[in-house]
């Protein structure tokens, strides 16, 4: 999903909830979509403050939550005690593997995982909508 699509979807979502597409919401959306890492609300707030943007922490939290509800932002729990977000810039499904020692997060793609999940869901008479798999271990740097 690109930024223009995300803006349109988000505007429609907000309108359906009788909410306005405000400048602070737009700033948070643009910053979230420009992020190249998995970020928490606090990390995004800090990054924005370093760039001179005066957006409150509460606004960032609320905006990220509403962006997730609108379907334009993904959330992931890496077991760090808070939620991380990422913009779905690609259609490719990927998983995350987290180092238990240093907390580093790596994106991985598992071949045929989607087919396996669809097959398992079908056997259970479910229509697969989404899935989340959290893999943890010890990275190369920390294993010694």
N, C-alpha and C. Protein backbone atom coordinates (compact mmCIF):
# COMPACT_ATOMS: atom_id res chain seq x y z
N UNK A 1 0.86 -1.17 0.00
CA UNK A 1 0.00 0.00 0.00
C UNK A 1 0.90 1.24 0.00
N UNK A 2 0.58 2.17 -0.87
CA UNK A 2 1.38 3.39 -0.88
C UNK A 2 0.70 4.47 -0.04
N UNK A 3 1.40 5.56 0.15
CA UNK A 3 0.93 6.64 1.02
C UNK A 3 -0.40 7.23 0.54
N UNK A 4 -0.53 7.45 -0.77
CA UNK A 4 -1.77 8.02 -1.30
C UNK A 4 -2.98 7.12 -1.02
N UNK A 5 -2.81 5.81 -1.21
CA UNK A 5 -3.89 4.87 -0.91
C UNK A 5 -4.23 4.89 0.57
N UNK A 6 -3.19 4.92 1.40
CA UNK A 6 -3.39 4.94 2.85
C UNK A 6 -4.17 6.18 3.28
N UNK A 7 -3.82 7.33 2.72
CA UNK A 7 -4.52 8.57 3.06
C UNK A 7 -5.99 8.47 2.69
N UNK A 8 -6.28 7.96 1.50
CA UNK A 8 -7.67 7.84 1.06
C UNK A 8 -8.45 6.90 1.98
N UNK A 9 -7.87 5.74 2.26
CA UNK A 9 -8.53 4.77 3.14
C UNK A 9 -8.75 5.36 4.53
N UNK A 10 -7.74 6.05 5.03
CA UNK A 10 -7.84 6.63 6.37
C UNK A 10 -8.89 7.74 6.43
N UNK A 11 -8.91 8.59 5.41
CA UNK A 11 -9.92 9.65 5.36
C UNK A 11 -11.34 9.05 5.35
N UNK A 12 -11.53 8.00 4.54
CA UNK A 12 -12.84 7.34 4.48
C UNK A 12 -13.20 6.72 5.83
N UNK A 13 -12.22 6.10 6.47
CA UNK A 13 -12.45 5.49 7.78
C UNK A 13 -12.86 6.55 8.79
N UNK A 14 -12.11 7.64 8.85
CA UNK A 14 -12.43 8.71 9.81
C UNK A 14 -13.81 9.30 9.54
N UNK A 15 -14.12 9.51 8.28
CA UNK A 15 -15.44 10.05 7.92
C UNK A 15 -16.55 9.11 8.38
N UNK A 16 -16.34 7.80 8.24
CA UNK A 16 -17.35 6.83 8.66
C UNK A 16 -17.57 6.85 10.17
N UNK A 17 -16.59 7.36 10.90
CA UNK A 17 -16.67 7.48 12.36
C UNK A 17 -17.00 8.90 12.80
N UNK A 18 -17.34 9.75 11.83
CA UNK A 18 -17.63 11.17 12.08
C UNK A 18 -16.45 11.89 12.73
N UNK A 19 -15.25 11.53 12.30
CA UNK A 19 -14.03 12.17 12.78
C UNK A 19 -13.37 12.94 11.64
N UNK A 20 -12.55 13.91 11.98
CA UNK A 20 -11.90 14.75 10.99
C UNK A 20 -10.48 14.25 10.69
N UNK A 21 -10.07 14.46 9.46
CA UNK A 21 -8.70 14.20 9.05
C UNK A 21 -7.92 15.47 9.35
N UNK A 22 -7.27 15.50 10.51
CA UNK A 22 -6.61 16.71 11.00
C UNK A 22 -5.13 16.72 10.60
N UNK A 23 -4.53 17.87 10.75
CA UNK A 23 -3.10 17.99 10.44
C UNK A 23 -2.24 17.08 11.33
N UNK A 24 -2.49 17.00 12.65
CA UNK A 24 -1.69 16.07 13.46
C UNK A 24 -1.84 14.61 12.99
N UNK A 25 -3.06 14.21 12.63
CA UNK A 25 -3.25 12.83 12.14
C UNK A 25 -2.47 12.62 10.84
N UNK A 26 -2.50 13.61 9.97
CA UNK A 26 -1.77 13.49 8.71
C UNK A 26 -0.27 13.38 8.95
N UNK A 27 0.24 14.17 9.88
CA UNK A 27 1.67 14.12 10.19
C UNK A 27 2.06 12.75 10.71
N UNK A 28 1.26 12.20 11.63
CA UNK A 28 1.56 10.87 12.18
C UNK A 28 1.50 9.82 11.07
N UNK A 29 0.48 9.90 10.23
CA UNK A 29 0.35 8.94 9.13
C UNK A 29 1.57 8.99 8.22
N UNK A 30 1.97 10.18 7.83
CA UNK A 30 3.12 10.32 6.94
C UNK A 30 4.41 9.82 7.59
N UNK A 31 4.58 10.10 8.87
CA UNK A 31 5.77 9.62 9.57
C UNK A 31 5.76 8.09 9.69
N UNK A 32 4.60 7.53 9.97
CA UNK A 32 4.48 6.07 10.08
C UNK A 32 4.81 5.41 8.75
N UNK A 33 4.35 5.99 7.66
CA UNK A 33 4.61 5.41 6.34
C UNK A 33 6.02 5.66 5.84
N UNK A 34 6.71 6.63 6.41
CA UNK A 34 8.09 6.86 6.00
C UNK A 34 9.07 6.05 6.84
N UNK A 35 8.60 5.47 7.93
CA UNK A 35 9.47 4.67 8.80
C UNK A 35 9.96 3.43 8.08
N UNK A 36 11.23 3.14 8.24
CA UNK A 36 11.81 1.96 7.60
C UNK A 36 12.08 0.86 8.62
N UNK A 37 11.58 1.03 9.82
CA UNK A 37 11.79 0.07 10.89
C UNK A 37 10.46 -0.21 11.58
N UNK A 38 10.44 -1.22 12.42
CA UNK A 38 9.27 -1.52 13.24
C UNK A 38 9.33 -0.59 14.43
N UNK A 39 8.35 0.25 14.60
CA UNK A 39 8.42 1.30 15.61
C UNK A 39 7.30 1.17 16.63
N UNK A 40 7.58 1.61 17.84
CA UNK A 40 6.54 1.72 18.86
C UNK A 40 6.00 3.15 18.81
N UNK A 41 4.89 3.37 19.47
CA UNK A 41 4.33 4.72 19.53
C UNK A 41 5.31 5.69 20.16
N UNK A 42 5.98 5.25 21.22
CA UNK A 42 6.95 6.13 21.89
C UNK A 42 8.15 6.43 20.99
N UNK A 43 8.61 5.43 20.25
CA UNK A 43 9.75 5.65 19.34
C UNK A 43 9.37 6.64 18.23
N UNK A 44 8.15 6.49 17.70
CA UNK A 44 7.72 7.41 16.65
C UNK A 44 7.57 8.83 17.21
N UNK A 45 7.02 8.94 18.41
CA UNK A 45 6.87 10.25 19.05
C UNK A 45 8.24 10.90 19.24
N UNK A 46 9.20 10.13 19.75
CA UNK A 46 10.55 10.64 19.97
C UNK A 46 11.19 11.09 18.66
N UNK A 47 11.04 10.28 17.63
CA UNK A 47 11.59 10.61 16.31
C UNK A 47 10.98 11.91 15.78
N UNK A 48 9.68 12.07 15.96
CA UNK A 48 9.01 13.27 15.49
C UNK A 48 9.47 14.50 16.27
N UNK A 49 9.64 14.35 17.57
CA UNK A 49 10.11 15.47 18.41
C UNK A 49 11.53 15.88 18.01
N UNK A 50 12.38 14.90 17.68
CA UNK A 50 13.75 15.21 17.23
C UNK A 50 13.74 16.02 15.94
N UNK A 51 12.68 15.82 15.13
CA UNK A 51 12.57 16.54 13.86
C UNK A 51 11.83 17.87 14.04
N UNK A 52 11.52 18.22 15.29
CA UNK A 52 10.88 19.50 15.57
C UNK A 52 9.36 19.49 15.44
N UNK A 53 8.77 18.32 15.33
CA UNK A 53 7.30 18.22 15.23
C UNK A 53 6.73 18.15 16.63
N UNK A 54 5.81 19.02 16.94
CA UNK A 54 5.24 19.09 18.28
C UNK A 54 3.89 18.37 18.32
N UNK A 55 3.95 17.04 18.26
CA UNK A 55 2.75 16.20 18.32
C UNK A 55 2.77 15.48 19.67
N UNK A 56 1.66 15.51 20.38
CA UNK A 56 1.64 14.89 21.71
C UNK A 56 1.69 13.37 21.62
N UNK A 57 2.20 12.79 22.66
CA UNK A 57 2.29 11.34 22.77
C UNK A 57 0.90 10.71 22.67
N UNK A 58 -0.08 11.33 23.32
CA UNK A 58 -1.46 10.82 23.29
C UNK A 58 -2.01 10.83 21.87
N UNK A 59 -1.73 11.88 21.12
CA UNK A 59 -2.19 11.96 19.74
C UNK A 59 -1.57 10.85 18.90
N UNK A 60 -0.28 10.61 19.10
CA UNK A 60 0.40 9.54 18.36
C UNK A 60 -0.23 8.19 18.70
N UNK A 61 -0.43 7.90 19.99
CA UNK A 61 -1.04 6.62 20.39
C UNK A 61 -2.43 6.46 19.77
N UNK A 62 -3.26 7.49 19.89
CA UNK A 62 -4.63 7.40 19.35
C UNK A 62 -4.64 7.26 17.84
N UNK A 63 -3.76 8.00 17.17
CA UNK A 63 -3.72 7.96 15.71
C UNK A 63 -3.24 6.61 15.21
N UNK A 64 -2.21 6.07 15.82
CA UNK A 64 -1.72 4.75 15.41
C UNK A 64 -2.81 3.69 15.62
N UNK A 65 -3.51 3.76 16.74
CA UNK A 65 -4.59 2.80 17.01
C UNK A 65 -5.69 2.92 15.96
N UNK A 66 -6.05 4.14 15.59
CA UNK A 66 -7.11 4.30 14.59
C UNK A 66 -6.63 3.90 13.20
N UNK A 67 -5.34 4.09 12.91
CA UNK A 67 -4.79 3.64 11.63
C UNK A 67 -4.81 2.12 11.53
N UNK A 68 -4.54 1.47 12.66
CA UNK A 68 -4.62 0.00 12.68
C UNK A 68 -6.06 -0.45 12.43
N UNK A 69 -7.03 0.20 13.10
CA UNK A 69 -8.44 -0.14 12.90
C UNK A 69 -8.87 0.10 11.46
N UNK A 70 -8.28 1.10 10.83
CA UNK A 70 -8.61 1.41 9.44
C UNK A 70 -7.98 0.42 8.47
N UNK A 71 -7.06 -0.39 8.98
CA UNK A 71 -6.42 -1.41 8.14
C UNK A 71 -5.24 -0.91 7.34
N UNK A 72 -4.70 0.24 7.71
CA UNK A 72 -3.56 0.78 6.95
C UNK A 72 -2.24 0.64 7.69
N UNK A 73 -2.28 0.03 8.87
CA UNK A 73 -1.08 -0.15 9.67
C UNK A 73 -1.15 -1.52 10.33
N UNK A 74 -0.05 -2.23 10.33
CA UNK A 74 0.02 -3.53 11.01
C UNK A 74 0.66 -3.36 12.38
N UNK A 75 0.23 -4.18 13.32
CA UNK A 75 0.87 -4.17 14.64
C UNK A 75 1.45 -5.55 14.91
N UNK A 76 2.55 -5.55 15.64
CA UNK A 76 3.27 -6.78 15.95
C UNK A 76 3.71 -6.72 17.40
N UNK A 77 3.57 -7.83 18.11
CA UNK A 77 4.06 -7.92 19.49
C UNK A 77 5.32 -8.77 19.47
N UNK A 78 6.46 -8.16 19.72
CA UNK A 78 7.74 -8.86 19.74
C UNK A 78 8.10 -9.36 21.13
N UNK A 79 7.20 -9.17 22.09
CA UNK A 79 7.49 -9.59 23.45
C UNK A 79 8.33 -8.59 24.22
N UNK A 80 8.39 -7.35 23.76
CA UNK A 80 9.17 -6.31 24.42
C UNK A 80 8.35 -5.50 25.42
N UNK A 81 7.10 -5.87 25.61
CA UNK A 81 6.25 -5.16 26.55
C UNK A 81 5.45 -4.02 25.94
N UNK A 82 5.56 -3.85 24.63
CA UNK A 82 4.78 -2.84 23.93
C UNK A 82 4.59 -3.27 22.48
N UNK A 83 3.65 -2.67 21.83
CA UNK A 83 3.33 -3.00 20.44
C UNK A 83 4.25 -2.23 19.49
N UNK A 84 4.65 -2.90 18.42
CA UNK A 84 5.39 -2.26 17.34
C UNK A 84 4.48 -2.19 16.12
N UNK A 85 4.71 -1.23 15.28
CA UNK A 85 3.90 -1.03 14.08
C UNK A 85 4.78 -1.04 12.85
N UNK A 86 4.14 -1.33 11.72
CA UNK A 86 4.80 -1.19 10.43
C UNK A 86 3.73 -0.94 9.38
N UNK A 87 4.08 -0.15 8.40
CA UNK A 87 3.15 0.13 7.31
C UNK A 87 3.26 -1.02 6.31
N UNK A 88 2.11 -1.50 5.83
CA UNK A 88 2.13 -2.61 4.85
C UNK A 88 2.49 -2.10 3.46
N UNK A 89 3.77 -1.85 3.24
CA UNK A 89 4.22 -1.26 1.97
C UNK A 89 4.30 -2.30 0.86
N UNK A 90 4.27 -3.55 1.22
CA UNK A 90 4.34 -4.62 0.24
C UNK A 90 3.25 -5.63 0.53
N UNK A 91 2.84 -6.34 -0.49
CA UNK A 91 1.81 -7.37 -0.32
C UNK A 91 2.42 -8.66 0.23
N UNK A 92 3.74 -8.78 0.18
CA UNK A 92 4.39 -10.02 0.62
C UNK A 92 4.26 -10.21 2.12
N UNK A 93 3.72 -11.36 2.49
CA UNK A 93 3.63 -11.73 3.90
C UNK A 93 5.04 -12.05 4.41
N UNK A 94 5.35 -11.62 5.59
CA UNK A 94 6.64 -11.95 6.18
C UNK A 94 6.44 -12.16 7.68
N UNK A 95 7.37 -12.85 8.26
CA UNK A 95 7.34 -13.12 9.70
C UNK A 95 8.52 -12.41 10.34
N UNK A 96 8.52 -12.44 11.65
CA UNK A 96 9.58 -11.77 12.41
C UNK A 96 10.23 -12.78 13.34
N UNK A 97 11.52 -12.67 13.46
CA UNK A 97 12.26 -13.49 14.42
C UNK A 97 13.03 -12.51 15.31
N UNK A 98 12.92 -12.72 16.62
CA UNK A 98 13.46 -11.79 17.60
C UNK A 98 14.54 -12.46 18.43
N UNK A 99 15.64 -11.76 18.64
CA UNK A 99 16.70 -12.28 19.50
C UNK A 99 16.29 -12.08 20.96
N UNK A 100 16.34 -13.14 21.73
CA UNK A 100 15.97 -13.10 23.14
C UNK A 100 16.96 -12.31 23.99
N UNK A 101 18.19 -12.16 23.51
CA UNK A 101 19.21 -11.45 24.30
C UNK A 101 19.25 -9.95 24.00
N UNK A 102 19.39 -9.59 22.73
CA UNK A 102 19.56 -8.16 22.39
C UNK A 102 18.28 -7.49 21.91
N UNK A 103 17.25 -8.29 21.59
CA UNK A 103 15.98 -7.73 21.16
C UNK A 103 15.92 -7.37 19.68
N UNK A 104 16.98 -7.62 18.94
CA UNK A 104 17.00 -7.34 17.50
C UNK A 104 15.89 -8.12 16.80
N UNK A 105 15.24 -7.47 15.83
CA UNK A 105 14.15 -8.09 15.09
C UNK A 105 14.56 -8.23 13.63
N UNK A 106 14.37 -9.41 13.09
CA UNK A 106 14.68 -9.69 11.69
C UNK A 106 13.41 -10.10 10.98
N UNK A 107 13.26 -9.67 9.74
CA UNK A 107 12.14 -10.11 8.92
C UNK A 107 12.59 -11.32 8.12
N UNK A 108 11.72 -12.33 8.07
CA UNK A 108 12.02 -13.53 7.30
C UNK A 108 10.79 -13.89 6.47
N UNK A 109 11.01 -14.58 5.37
CA UNK A 109 9.92 -15.10 4.58
C UNK A 109 10.04 -16.61 4.55
N UNK A 110 8.94 -17.27 4.86
CA UNK A 110 8.92 -18.73 4.91
C UNK A 110 8.14 -19.22 3.70
N UNK A 111 8.82 -19.97 2.85
CA UNK A 111 8.20 -20.47 1.64
C UNK A 111 7.02 -21.39 1.95
N UNK A 112 5.94 -21.19 1.26
CA UNK A 112 4.73 -22.02 1.35
C UNK A 112 3.99 -21.95 2.68
N UNK A 113 4.37 -21.05 3.57
CA UNK A 113 3.69 -20.94 4.86
C UNK A 113 2.22 -20.57 4.68
N UNK A 114 1.96 -19.63 3.79
CA UNK A 114 0.58 -19.18 3.54
C UNK A 114 -0.29 -20.36 3.07
N UNK A 115 0.25 -21.19 2.17
CA UNK A 115 -0.50 -22.36 1.69
C UNK A 115 -0.77 -23.34 2.82
N UNK A 116 0.22 -23.56 3.67
CA UNK A 116 0.06 -24.47 4.80
C UNK A 116 -1.01 -23.97 5.76
N UNK A 117 -1.01 -22.69 6.03
CA UNK A 117 -2.01 -22.10 6.94
C UNK A 117 -3.40 -22.17 6.31
N UNK A 118 -3.49 -21.83 5.03
CA UNK A 118 -4.78 -21.93 4.35
C UNK A 118 -5.33 -23.35 4.39
N UNK A 119 -4.47 -24.33 4.17
CA UNK A 119 -4.87 -25.73 4.19
C UNK A 119 -5.34 -26.15 5.58
N UNK A 120 -4.60 -25.74 6.61
CA UNK A 120 -4.99 -26.08 7.98
C UNK A 120 -6.32 -25.43 8.35
N UNK A 121 -6.50 -24.18 7.95
CA UNK A 121 -7.75 -23.48 8.24
C UNK A 121 -8.92 -24.15 7.52
N UNK A 122 -8.69 -24.54 6.28
CA UNK A 122 -9.74 -25.21 5.50
C UNK A 122 -10.16 -26.52 6.15
N UNK A 123 -9.19 -27.29 6.64
CA UNK A 123 -9.49 -28.56 7.32
C UNK A 123 -10.32 -28.33 8.58
N UNK A 124 -10.11 -27.19 9.24
CA UNK A 124 -10.86 -26.85 10.45
C UNK A 124 -12.16 -26.11 10.10
N UNK A 125 -12.45 -26.01 8.79
CA UNK A 125 -13.66 -25.32 8.29
C UNK A 125 -13.67 -23.84 8.66
N UNK A 126 -12.50 -23.23 8.52
CA UNK A 126 -12.34 -21.79 8.73
C UNK A 126 -11.92 -21.15 7.43
N UNK A 127 -12.28 -19.90 7.26
CA UNK A 127 -11.73 -19.09 6.18
C UNK A 127 -10.60 -18.28 6.81
N UNK A 128 -9.40 -18.55 6.38
CA UNK A 128 -8.22 -17.86 6.91
C UNK A 128 -8.28 -16.39 6.53
N UNK A 129 -8.16 -15.51 7.51
CA UNK A 129 -8.15 -14.06 7.26
C UNK A 129 -6.75 -13.51 7.47
N UNK A 130 -6.17 -13.80 8.62
CA UNK A 130 -4.81 -13.33 8.89
C UNK A 130 -4.19 -14.25 9.93
N UNK A 131 -2.90 -14.15 10.04
CA UNK A 131 -2.19 -14.93 11.05
C UNK A 131 -0.99 -14.15 11.54
N UNK A 132 -0.50 -14.53 12.70
CA UNK A 132 0.71 -13.93 13.26
C UNK A 132 1.51 -15.04 13.93
N UNK A 133 2.75 -15.10 13.59
CA UNK A 133 3.66 -16.08 14.17
C UNK A 133 4.83 -15.32 14.77
N UNK A 134 5.14 -15.60 16.01
CA UNK A 134 6.28 -14.95 16.66
C UNK A 134 7.35 -16.00 16.91
N UNK A 135 8.49 -15.79 16.32
CA UNK A 135 9.61 -16.72 16.46
C UNK A 135 10.69 -15.99 17.26
N UNK A 136 11.25 -16.67 18.24
CA UNK A 136 12.34 -16.06 19.00
C UNK A 136 13.50 -17.04 19.09
N UNK A 137 14.66 -16.50 19.30
CA UNK A 137 15.87 -17.32 19.41
C UNK A 137 17.03 -16.45 19.83
N UNK A 138 18.22 -16.87 19.48
CA UNK A 138 19.43 -16.12 19.79
C UNK A 138 20.12 -15.82 18.47
N UNK A 139 20.39 -14.54 18.21
CA UNK A 139 21.02 -14.15 16.94
C UNK A 139 22.50 -14.54 16.90
N UNK A 140 23.06 -14.43 15.72
CA UNK A 140 24.47 -14.77 15.49
C UNK A 140 25.40 -13.98 16.42
N UNK A 141 25.12 -12.68 16.61
CA UNK A 141 25.99 -11.82 17.44
C UNK A 141 25.95 -12.24 18.91
N UNK A 142 24.80 -12.74 19.37
CA UNK A 142 24.63 -13.02 20.80
C UNK A 142 24.88 -14.47 21.18
N UNK A 143 25.05 -15.35 20.24
CA UNK A 143 25.12 -16.76 20.60
C UNK A 143 26.44 -17.18 21.25
N UNK A 144 27.41 -16.30 21.25
CA UNK A 144 28.68 -16.66 21.89
C UNK A 144 28.85 -15.94 23.19
